[in-house]
Amino acid sequence: MLSQTANSNHTRFNLSTLGGAAIAMAGVLGFVGFGGAQALGAHPFWGMKIAYFAIGAGLVMSVMAALAKQRLAQQLITFTTLLVISIAITTYGKTQFAASYAEDDFAGKLWFFGWITALAASFSIVTAITTSWLARNKAN
């Protein structure tokens, strides 16, 4: 019983992790599919492509965090910090790319990869919260 209580504070990689990832994947695909990313400033040409890259990257980050047995609070702090930084990079890249009349390739790459990172961080946040909720509310 003591070992179960000691491990309950950590997120472990199990079926709850995959269930949380499936819910997060549906959320990211729904958000991008219904035009949420384009409404927030993603380019229409690569609007759906970023979702596929972000799901892959977010899944890798979520699995690595679960295998490292990070606590939920640590995961949320890490992924939220990554989200804020990626939004700042995305905004900078978009404004510089638009100001250069699509001549600044580096700014365009910041814009593109910033969106992937923002969606991957969002995917990881949803996965961490959902995994924690599923693990707590599973039937005994």
Protein backbone atom coordinates (compact mmCIF):
# COMPACT_ATOMS: atom_id res chain seq x y z
CA MET A 1 0.00 0.00 0.00
CA LEU A 2 2.85 2.37 0.78
CA SER A 3 4.41 1.82 -2.64
CA GLN A 4 1.10 2.63 -4.34
CA THR A 5 0.85 5.92 -2.48
CA ALA A 6 4.43 6.84 -3.27
CA ASN A 7 3.90 6.21 -6.98
CA SER A 8 0.51 7.93 -7.18
CA ASN A 9 2.13 11.37 -7.32
CA HIS A 10 3.95 10.52 -10.54
CA THR A 11 2.58 10.04 -14.01
CA ARG A 12 3.48 6.60 -15.31
CA PHE A 13 3.33 5.42 -18.88
CA ASN A 14 0.29 3.15 -19.17
CA LEU A 15 -2.98 2.93 -21.05
CA SER A 16 -4.17 6.15 -19.41
CA THR A 17 -1.29 7.94 -21.15
CA LEU A 18 -2.40 6.60 -24.51
CA GLY A 19 -6.03 7.47 -23.75
CA GLY A 20 -5.01 11.01 -22.86
CA ALA A 21 -2.97 11.23 -26.05
CA ALA A 22 -5.94 10.05 -28.13
CA ILE A 23 -8.17 12.74 -26.62
CA ALA A 24 -5.48 15.38 -27.19
CA MET A 25 -5.01 14.20 -30.78
CA ALA A 26 -8.73 14.56 -31.45
CA GLY A 27 -8.61 18.04 -29.94
CA VAL A 28 -5.67 19.21 -32.04
CA LEU A 29 -7.10 17.76 -35.26
CA GLY A 30 -10.49 19.30 -34.50
CA PHE A 31 -8.97 22.69 -33.69
CA VAL A 32 -6.93 22.80 -36.87
CA GLY A 33 -9.56 21.09 -39.02
CA PHE A 34 -12.24 23.62 -38.15
CA GLY A 35 -9.90 26.54 -38.89
CA GLY A 36 -8.83 27.51 -35.38
CA ALA A 37 -5.15 27.76 -36.28
CA GLN A 38 -5.87 29.83 -39.38
CA ALA A 39 -8.13 32.13 -37.37
CA LEU A 40 -5.26 32.71 -34.93
CA GLY A 41 -2.73 33.49 -37.65
CA ALA A 42 -1.46 30.27 -39.23
CA HIS A 43 -0.96 30.31 -42.97
CA PRO A 44 -3.81 28.58 -44.84
CA PHE A 45 -1.34 26.74 -47.09
CA TRP A 46 0.24 24.74 -44.24
CA GLY A 47 -2.59 24.97 -41.72
CA MET A 48 -3.32 21.23 -41.58
CA LYS A 49 0.28 20.09 -42.03
CA ILE A 50 1.29 21.61 -38.70
CA ALA A 51 -1.22 19.43 -36.86
CA TYR A 52 0.45 16.21 -38.00
CA PHE A 53 3.92 17.37 -37.00
CA ALA A 54 2.62 18.73 -33.69
CA ILE A 55 0.86 15.49 -32.77
CA GLY A 56 4.06 13.53 -33.36
CA ALA A 57 6.21 15.95 -31.39
CA GLY A 58 3.65 16.27 -28.60
CA LEU A 59 3.35 12.50 -28.31
CA VAL A 60 7.12 12.17 -27.98
CA MET A 61 7.21 14.89 -25.30
CA SER A 62 4.32 13.33 -23.37
CA VAL A 63 5.81 9.84 -23.45
CA MET A 64 9.22 11.17 -22.37
CA ALA A 65 7.63 13.05 -19.46
CA ALA A 66 5.69 9.94 -18.43
CA LEU A 67 8.75 7.72 -18.65
CA ALA A 68 10.72 10.25 -16.59
CA LYS A 69 7.90 10.00 -14.01
CA GLN A 70 7.44 13.74 -13.81
CA ARG A 71 4.68 14.98 -11.57
CA LEU A 72 1.65 16.62 -13.12
CA ALA A 73 2.67 20.04 -11.80
CA GLN A 74 6.15 19.70 -13.33
CA GLN A 75 4.67 18.71 -16.67
CA LEU A 76 2.22 21.60 -16.65
CA ILE A 77 4.94 24.13 -15.79
CA THR A 78 7.28 22.77 -18.46
CA PHE A 79 4.71 22.55 -21.24
CA THR A 80 3.06 25.89 -20.39
CA THR A 81 6.46 27.61 -20.46
CA LEU A 82 7.14 26.01 -23.84
CA LEU A 83 3.72 27.18 -25.06
CA VAL A 84 4.32 30.80 -24.03
CA ILE A 85 7.79 30.87 -25.61
CA SER A 86 6.53 29.30 -28.83
CA ILE A 87 3.67 31.81 -29.09
CA ALA A 88 6.19 34.65 -28.75
CA ILE A 89 8.42 33.11 -31.43
CA THR A 90 5.44 32.52 -33.72
CA THR A 91 4.24 36.10 -33.37
CA TYR A 92 7.72 37.48 -34.04
CA GLY A 93 8.19 35.22 -37.07
CA LYS A 94 4.83 36.15 -38.54
CA THR A 95 5.31 39.90 -38.18
CA GLN A 96 8.85 39.82 -39.59
CA PHE A 97 7.79 37.58 -42.47
CA ALA A 98 4.90 39.88 -43.35
CA ALA A 99 7.04 43.00 -42.98
CA SER A 100 9.62 41.60 -45.41
CA TYR A 101 6.93 40.86 -48.03
CA ALA A 102 7.68 37.11 -47.76
CA GLU A 103 11.40 37.56 -48.44
CA ASP A 104 12.75 36.65 -44.98
CA ASP A 105 13.02 32.85 -45.02
CA PHE A 106 14.21 32.62 -41.43
CA ALA A 107 11.18 34.53 -40.16
CA GLY A 108 8.93 32.23 -42.18
CA LYS A 109 10.56 29.21 -40.58
CA LEU A 110 10.12 30.75 -37.12
CA TRP A 111 6.45 31.24 -37.92
CA PHE A 112 6.00 27.67 -39.21
CA PHE A 113 7.97 25.85 -36.50
CA GLY A 114 6.58 28.13 -33.80
CA TRP A 115 3.09 26.94 -34.70
CA ILE A 116 4.21 23.31 -34.56
CA THR A 117 5.77 23.87 -31.14
CA ALA A 118 2.71 25.71 -29.83
CA LEU A 119 0.37 22.92 -30.91
CA ALA A 120 2.77 20.26 -29.58
CA ALA A 121 2.90 22.00 -26.20
CA SER A 122 -0.90 22.27 -26.18
CA PHE A 123 -1.13 18.58 -27.07
CA SER A 124 1.20 17.72 -24.17
CA ILE A 125 -0.75 19.87 -21.71
CA VAL A 126 -4.05 18.21 -22.65
CA THR A 127 -2.42 14.77 -22.53
CA ALA A 128 -0.98 15.40 -19.05
CA ILE A 129 -4.28 16.67 -17.64
CA THR A 130 -6.36 13.95 -19.28
CA THR A 131 -3.94 11.19 -18.26
CA SER A 132 -4.03 12.37 -14.66
CA TRP A 133 -7.82 12.52 -14.71
CA LEU A 134 -8.16 9.07 -16.30
CA ALA A 135 -5.72 7.53 -13.81
CA ARG A 136 -7.61 9.01 -10.86
CA ASN A 137 -11.07 8.06 -12.10
CA LYS A 138 -10.47 4.59 -13.45
CA ALA A 139 -12.73 1.81 -12.22
CA ASN A 140 -11.15 -0.44 -9.62
